[in-house]
Amino acid sequence: MSLYLNGKEYMIIIYGDRCSFQRCGINDRSGEHYFKSLDELYRAQQIDGIVPERDWDKIEKIASWDIEIHN
């Protein structure tokens, strides 16, 4: 999922055993910061001081793709 906030693009990526948050871009990408769960990611301060739980209503746009979830 891509999030747009303050004119920048960020991504949340969900893996089987963890998830990550990162700032996207060619020259200013941040690299992935990993978390054990989405709950942990949402509550933690991310790159650029973003706390998804606190800043969710400030998101300018969300882009998502169809995903498959395997158990």
PDB file of N, CA and C in Angstrom:
ATOM      1  N   MET A   1       0.847  -1.157   0.000  1.00  0.00           N
ATOM      2  CA  MET A   1       0.000   0.000   0.000  1.00  0.00           C
ATOM      3  C   MET A   1       0.900   1.229   0.000  1.00  0.00           C
ATOM      4  N   SER A   2       0.575   2.198  -0.831  1.00  0.00           N
ATOM      5  CA  SER A   2       1.288   3.467  -0.853  1.00  0.00           C
ATOM      6  C   SER A   2       0.453   4.541  -0.162  1.00  0.00           C
ATOM      7  N   LEU A   3       1.110   5.353   0.641  1.00  0.00           N
ATOM      8  CA  LEU A   3       0.470   6.479   1.320  1.00  0.00           C
ATOM      9  C   LEU A   3       1.160   7.743   0.866  1.00  0.00           C
ATOM     10  N   TYR A   4       0.405   8.790   0.664  1.00  0.00           N
ATOM     11  CA  TYR A   4       0.969  10.077   0.283  1.00  0.00           C
ATOM     12  C   TYR A   4       0.678  11.071   1.400  1.00  0.00           C
ATOM     13  N   LEU A   5       1.747  11.674   1.925  1.00  0.00           N
ATOM     14  CA  LEU A   5       1.633  12.585   3.048  1.00  0.00           C
ATOM     15  C   LEU A   5       2.684  13.674   2.890  1.00  0.00           C
ATOM     16  N   ASN A   6       2.260  14.924   3.002  1.00  0.00           N
ATOM     17  CA  ASN A   6       3.172  16.066   2.851  1.00  0.00           C
ATOM     18  C   ASN A   6       3.913  16.024   1.519  1.00  0.00           C
ATOM     19  N   GLY A   7       3.228  15.556   0.474  1.00  0.00           N
ATOM     20  CA  GLY A   7       3.819  15.519  -0.860  1.00  0.00           C
ATOM     21  C   GLY A   7       4.823  14.405  -1.080  1.00  0.00           C
ATOM     22  N   LYS A   8       4.971  13.487  -0.127  1.00  0.00           N
ATOM     23  CA  LYS A   8       5.909  12.378  -0.259  1.00  0.00           C
ATOM     24  C   LYS A   8       5.145  11.061  -0.263  1.00  0.00           C
ATOM     25  N   GLU A   9       5.756  10.064  -0.887  1.00  0.00           N
ATOM     26  CA  GLU A   9       5.142   8.737  -0.951  1.00  0.00           C
ATOM     27  C   GLU A   9       5.824   7.800   0.045  1.00  0.00           C
ATOM     28  N   TYR A  10       5.016   7.045   0.761  1.00  0.00           N
ATOM     29  CA  TYR A  10       5.496   6.057   1.718  1.00  0.00           C
ATOM     30  C   TYR A  10       4.819   4.731   1.399  1.00  0.00           C
ATOM     31  N   MET A  11       5.463   3.632   1.775  1.00  0.00           N
ATOM     32  CA  MET A  11       4.880   2.315   1.527  1.00  0.00           C
ATOM     33  C   MET A  11       4.831   1.502   2.810  1.00  0.00           C
ATOM     34  N   ILE A  12       3.742   0.766   2.958  1.00  0.00           N
ATOM     35  CA  ILE A  12       3.630  -0.266   3.977  1.00  0.00           C
ATOM     36  C   ILE A  12       3.607  -1.585   3.223  1.00  0.00           C
ATOM     37  N   ILE A  13       4.534  -2.471   3.579  1.00  0.00           N
ATOM     38  CA  ILE A  13       4.642  -3.762   2.913  1.00  0.00           C
ATOM     39  C   ILE A  13       4.426  -4.843   3.966  1.00  0.00           C
ATOM     40  N   ILE A  14       3.545  -5.791   3.654  1.00  0.00           N
ATOM     41  CA  ILE A  14       3.238  -6.875   4.585  1.00  0.00           C
ATOM     42  C   ILE A  14       3.856  -8.164   4.061  1.00  0.00           C
ATOM     43  N   TYR A  15       4.685  -8.762   4.887  1.00  0.00           N
ATOM     44  CA  TYR A  15       5.308 -10.052   4.598  1.00  0.00           C
ATOM     45  C   TYR A  15       4.627 -11.109   5.464  1.00  0.00           C
ATOM     46  N   GLY A  16       4.974 -12.363   5.290  1.00  0.00           N
ATOM     47  CA  GLY A  16       4.380 -13.426   6.081  1.00  0.00           C
ATOM     48  C   GLY A  16       4.666 -13.311   7.572  1.00  0.00           C
ATOM     49  N   ASP A  17       5.860 -12.841   7.921  1.00  0.00           N
ATOM     50  CA  ASP A  17       6.268 -12.818   9.326  1.00  0.00           C
ATOM     51  C   ASP A  17       6.586 -11.428   9.875  1.00  0.00           C
ATOM     52  N   ARG A  18       6.355 -10.394   9.083  1.00  0.00           N
ATOM     53  CA  ARG A  18       6.662  -9.025   9.520  1.00  0.00           C
ATOM     54  C   ARG A  18       6.045  -8.042   8.539  1.00  0.00           C
ATOM     55  N   CYS A  19       6.176  -6.767   8.826  1.00  0.00           N
ATOM     56  CA  CYS A  19       5.746  -5.727   7.900  1.00  0.00           C
ATOM     57  C   CYS A  19       6.776  -4.606   7.954  1.00  0.00           C
ATOM     58  N   SER A  20       6.717  -3.709   6.975  1.00  0.00           N
ATOM     59  CA  SER A  20       7.705  -2.634   6.938  1.00  0.00           C
ATOM     60  C   SER A  20       7.077  -1.325   6.491  1.00  0.00           C
ATOM     61  N   PHE A  21       7.776  -0.260   6.801  1.00  0.00           N
ATOM     62  CA  PHE A  21       7.387   1.091   6.414  1.00  0.00           C
ATOM     63  C   PHE A  21       8.613   1.730   5.787  1.00  0.00           C
ATOM     64  N   GLN A  22       8.416   2.480   4.705  1.00  0.00           N
ATOM     65  CA  GLN A  22       9.542   3.166   4.076  1.00  0.00           C
ATOM     66  C   GLN A  22       9.067   4.375   3.280  1.00  0.00           C
ATOM     67  N   ARG A  23       9.968   5.329   3.107  1.00  0.00           N
ATOM     68  CA  ARG A  23       9.713   6.473   2.226  1.00  0.00           C
ATOM     69  C   ARG A  23      10.222   6.072   0.850  1.00  0.00           C
ATOM     70  N   CYS A  24       9.421   6.335  -0.173  1.00  0.00           N
ATOM     71  CA  CYS A  24       9.765   5.987  -1.546  1.00  0.00           C
ATOM     72  C   CYS A  24      10.446   7.171  -2.234  1.00  0.00           C
ATOM     73  N   GLY A  25      11.146   6.886  -3.289  1.00  0.00           N
ATOM     74  CA  GLY A  25      11.749   7.928  -4.096  1.00  0.00           C
ATOM     75  C   GLY A  25      13.057   7.456  -4.691  1.00  0.00           C
ATOM     76  N   ILE A  26      13.525   8.212  -5.651  1.00  0.00           N
ATOM     77  CA  ILE A  26      14.784   7.865  -6.313  1.00  0.00           C
ATOM     78  C   ILE A  26      15.967   8.347  -5.475  1.00  0.00           C
ATOM     79  N   ASN A  27      15.915   9.591  -5.040  1.00  0.00           N
ATOM     80  CA  ASN A  27      17.053  10.168  -4.325  1.00  0.00           C
ATOM     81  C   ASN A  27      16.873  10.251  -2.818  1.00  0.00           C
ATOM     82  N   ASP A  28      15.654  10.090  -2.329  1.00  0.00           N
ATOM     83  CA  ASP A  28      15.448  10.267  -0.891  1.00  0.00           C
ATOM     84  C   ASP A  28      14.706   9.113  -0.233  1.00  0.00           C
ATOM     85  N   ARG A  29      14.808   7.922  -0.815  1.00  0.00           N
ATOM     86  CA  ARG A  29      14.139   6.770  -0.191  1.00  0.00           C
ATOM     87  C   ARG A  29      14.841   6.427   1.120  1.00  0.00           C
ATOM     88  N   SER A  30      14.089   5.807   2.006  1.00  0.00           N
ATOM     89  CA  SER A  30      14.614   5.582   3.349  1.00  0.00           C
ATOM     90  C   SER A  30      15.113   4.172   3.609  1.00  0.00           C
ATOM     91  N   GLY A  31      14.699   3.224   2.803  1.00  0.00           N
ATOM     92  CA  GLY A  31      14.959   1.837   3.153  1.00  0.00           C
ATOM     93  C   GLY A  31      13.866   1.359   4.091  1.00  0.00           C
ATOM     94  N   GLU A  32      13.717   0.057   4.225  1.00  0.00           N
ATOM     95  CA  GLU A  32      12.627  -0.502   5.016  1.00  0.00           C
ATOM     96  C   GLU A  32      12.970  -0.533   6.501  1.00  0.00           C
ATOM     97  N   HIS A  33      11.978  -0.235   7.315  1.00  0.00           N
ATOM     98  CA  HIS A  33      12.067  -0.362   8.764  1.00  0.00           C
ATOM     99  C   HIS A  33      11.039  -1.417   9.152  1.00  0.00           C
ATOM    100  N   TYR A  34      11.492  -2.511   9.763  1.00  0.00           N
ATOM    101  CA  TYR A  34      10.652  -3.679  10.002  1.00  0.00           C
ATOM    102  C   TYR A  34       9.985  -3.682  11.381  1.00  0.00           C
ATOM    103  N   PHE A  35       8.792  -4.287  11.427  1.00  0.00           N
ATOM    104  CA  PHE A  35       8.001  -4.421  12.645  1.00  0.00           C
ATOM    105  C   PHE A  35       7.398  -5.818  12.683  1.00  0.00           C
ATOM    106  N   LYS A  36       7.139  -6.322  13.879  1.00  0.00           N
ATOM    107  CA  LYS A  36       6.575  -7.657  14.043  1.00  0.00           C
ATOM    108  C   LYS A  36       5.112  -7.730  13.632  1.00  0.00           C
ATOM    109  N   SER A  37       4.395  -6.602  13.733  1.00  0.00           N
ATOM    110  CA  SER A  37       2.961  -6.597  13.410  1.00  0.00           C
ATOM    111  C   SER A  37       2.545  -5.228  12.882  1.00  0.00           C
ATOM    112  N   LEU A  38       1.373  -5.198  12.239  1.00  0.00           N
ATOM    113  CA  LEU A  38       0.833  -3.913  11.789  1.00  0.00           C
ATOM    114  C   LEU A  38       0.494  -3.013  12.973  1.00  0.00           C
ATOM    115  N   ASP A  39       0.004  -3.594  14.059  1.00  0.00           N
ATOM    116  CA  ASP A  39      -0.292  -2.791  15.247  1.00  0.00           C
ATOM    117  C   ASP A  39       0.958  -2.073  15.746  1.00  0.00           C
ATOM    118  N   GLU A  40       2.069  -2.795  15.794  1.00  0.00           N
ATOM    119  CA  GLU A  40       3.334  -2.187  16.219  1.00  0.00           C
ATOM    120  C   GLU A  40       3.753  -1.077  15.251  1.00  0.00           C
ATOM    121  N   LEU A  41       3.643  -1.335  13.948  1.00  0.00           N
ATOM    122  CA  LEU A  41       4.001  -0.343  12.934  1.00  0.00           C
ATOM    123  C   LEU A  41       3.144   0.910  13.074  1.00  0.00           C
ATOM    124  N   TYR A  42       1.825   0.757  13.225  1.00  0.00           N
ATOM    125  CA  TYR A  42       0.914   1.902  13.299  1.00  0.00           C
ATOM    126  C   TYR A  42       1.184   2.789  14.499  1.00  0.00           C
ATOM    127  N   ARG A  43       1.634   2.213  15.609  1.00  0.00           N
ATOM    128  CA  ARG A  43       1.859   2.990  16.828  1.00  0.00           C
ATOM    129  C   ARG A  43       3.241   3.627  16.902  1.00  0.00           C
ATOM    130  N   ALA A  44       4.193   3.111  16.114  1.00  0.00           N
ATOM    131  CA  ALA A  44       5.584   3.559  16.204  1.00  0.00           C
ATOM    132  C   ALA A  44       5.840   4.804  15.355  1.00  0.00           C
ATOM    133  N   GLN A  45       6.792   5.602  15.810  1.00  0.00           N
ATOM    134  CA  GLN A  45       7.227   6.751  15.002  1.00  0.00           C
ATOM    135  C   GLN A  45       8.047   6.231  13.834  1.00  0.00           C
ATOM    136  N   GLN A  46       7.707   6.687  12.638  1.00  0.00           N
ATOM    137  CA  GLN A  46       8.354   6.254  11.413  1.00  0.00           C
ATOM    138  C   GLN A  46       9.288   7.349  10.898  1.00  0.00           C
ATOM    139  N   ILE A  47       9.844   7.104   9.739  1.00  0.00           N
ATOM    140  CA  ILE A  47      10.679   8.090   9.063  1.00  0.00           C
ATOM    141  C   ILE A  47       9.910   9.404   8.940  1.00  0.00           C
ATOM    142  N   ASP A  48      10.581  10.511   9.005  1.00  0.00           N
ATOM    143  CA  ASP A  48       9.999  11.854   8.905  1.00  0.00           C
ATOM    144  C   ASP A  48       9.044  12.170  10.058  1.00  0.00           C
ATOM    145  N   GLY A  49       9.151  11.435  11.168  1.00  0.00           N
ATOM    146  CA  GLY A  49       8.334  11.716  12.344  1.00  0.00           C
ATOM    147  C   GLY A  49       6.882  11.291  12.235  1.00  0.00           C
ATOM    148  N   ILE A  50       6.554  10.509  11.232  1.00  0.00           N
ATOM    149  CA  ILE A  50       5.171  10.061  11.023  1.00  0.00           C
ATOM    150  C   ILE A  50       4.817   8.960  12.018  1.00  0.00           C
ATOM    151  N   VAL A  51       3.681   9.086  12.648  1.00  0.00           N
ATOM    152  CA  VAL A  51       3.097   8.018  13.468  1.00  0.00           C
ATOM    153  C   VAL A  51       1.761   7.698  12.790  1.00  0.00           C
ATOM    154  N   PRO A  52       1.681   6.597  12.045  1.00  0.00           N
ATOM    155  CA  PRO A  52       0.461   6.320  11.269  1.00  0.00           C
ATOM    156  C   PRO A  52      -0.830   6.428  12.076  1.00  0.00           C
ATOM    157  N   GLU A  53      -0.851   5.905  13.283  1.00  0.00           N
ATOM    158  CA  GLU A  53      -2.058   5.971  14.102  1.00  0.00           C
ATOM    159  C   GLU A  53      -2.474   7.423  14.360  1.00  0.00           C
ATOM    160  N   ARG A  54      -1.534   8.279  14.643  1.00  0.00           N
ATOM    161  CA  ARG A  54      -1.803   9.687  14.939  1.00  0.00           C
ATOM    162  C   ARG A  54      -2.083  10.494  13.664  1.00  0.00           C
ATOM    163  N   ASP A  55      -1.370  10.179  12.592  1.00  0.00           N
ATOM    164  CA  ASP A  55      -1.391  11.009  11.380  1.00  0.00           C
ATOM    165  C   ASP A  55      -2.301  10.474  10.280  1.00  0.00           C
ATOM    166  N   TRP A  56      -3.080   9.433  10.558  1.00  0.00           N
ATOM    167  CA  TRP A  56      -3.898   8.791   9.522  1.00  0.00           C
ATOM    168  C   TRP A  56      -4.821   9.786   8.815  1.00  0.00           C
ATOM    169  N   ASP A  57      -5.405  10.729   9.534  1.00  0.00           N
ATOM    170  CA  ASP A  57      -6.336  11.681   8.923  1.00  0.00           C
ATOM    171  C   ASP A  57      -5.629  12.745   8.086  1.00  0.00           C
ATOM    172  N   LYS A  58      -4.313  12.796   8.118  1.00  0.00           N
ATOM    173  CA  LYS A  58      -3.542  13.748   7.314  1.00  0.00           C
ATOM    174  C   LYS A  58      -3.103  13.174   5.969  1.00  0.00           C
ATOM    175  N   ILE A  59      -3.353  11.889   5.759  1.00  0.00           N
ATOM    176  CA  ILE A  59      -2.935  11.233   4.515  1.00  0.00           C
ATOM    177  C   ILE A  59      -3.716  11.826   3.354  1.00  0.00           C
ATOM    178  N   GLU A  60      -2.991  12.214   2.309  1.00  0.00           N
ATOM    179  CA  GLU A  60      -3.578  12.868   1.146  1.00  0.00           C
ATOM    180  C   GLU A  60      -4.173  11.864   0.162  1.00  0.00           C
ATOM    181  N   LYS A  61      -3.575  10.679   0.091  1.00  0.00           N
ATOM    182  CA  LYS A  61      -4.018   9.686  -0.882  1.00  0.00           C
ATOM    183  C   LYS A  61      -3.488   8.324  -0.448  1.00  0.00           C
ATOM    184  N   ILE A  62      -4.272   7.280  -0.722  1.00  0.00           N
ATOM    185  CA  ILE A  62      -3.841   5.909  -0.488  1.00  0.00           C
ATOM    186  C   ILE A  62      -4.002   5.147  -1.790  1.00  0.00           C
ATOM    187  N   ALA A  63      -2.952   4.462  -2.196  1.00  0.00           N
ATOM    188  CA  ALA A  63      -3.000   3.611  -3.383  1.00  0.00           C
ATOM    189  C   ALA A  63      -2.762   2.186  -2.914  1.00  0.00           C
ATOM    190  N   SER A  64      -3.625   1.289  -3.332  1.00  0.00           N
ATOM    191  CA  SER A  64      -3.521  -0.098  -2.911  1.00  0.00           C
ATOM    192  C   SER A  64      -3.671  -0.989  -4.127  1.00  0.00           C
ATOM    193  N   TRP A  65      -3.140  -2.178  -4.019  1.00  0.00           N
ATOM    194  CA  TRP A  65      -3.232  -3.146  -5.087  1.00  0.00           C
ATOM    195  C   TRP A  65      -3.992  -4.345  -4.578  1.00  0.00           C
ATOM    196  N   ASP A  66      -4.552  -5.121  -5.493  1.00  0.00           N
ATOM    197  CA  ASP A  66      -5.200  -6.375  -5.097  1.00  0.00           C
ATOM    198  C   ASP A  66      -4.120  -7.290  -4.523  1.00  0.00           C
ATOM    199  N   ILE A  67      -4.438  -7.910  -3.408  1.00  0.00           N
ATOM    200  CA  ILE A  67      -3.481  -8.802  -2.782  1.00  0.00           C
ATOM    201  C   ILE A  67      -4.147 -10.128  -2.466  1.00  0.00           C
ATOM    202  N   GLU A  68      -3.339 -11.143  -2.356  1.00  0.00           N
ATOM    203  CA  GLU A  68      -3.796 -12.447  -1.930  1.00  0.00           C
ATOM    204  C   GLU A  68      -3.186 -12.717  -0.569  1.00  0.00           C
ATOM    205  N   ILE A  69      -3.984 -13.265   0.327  1.00  0.00           N
ATOM    206  CA  ILE A  69      -3.488 -13.633   1.648  1.00  0.00           C
ATOM    207  C   ILE A  69      -3.530 -15.145   1.744  1.00  0.00           C
ATOM    208  N   HIS A  70      -2.392 -15.720   2.064  1.00  0.00           N
ATOM    209  CA  HIS A  70      -2.284 -17.166   2.187  1.00  0.00           C
ATOM    210  C   HIS A  70      -2.109 -17.518   3.654  1.00  0.00           C
ATOM    211  N   ASN A  71      -2.845 -18.478   4.118  1.00  0.00           N
ATOM    212  CA  ASN A  71      -2.704 -18.937   5.512  1.00  0.00           C
ATOM    213  C   ASN A  71      -1.672 -20.026   5.607  1.00  0.00           C
TER     214      ASN A  71
END
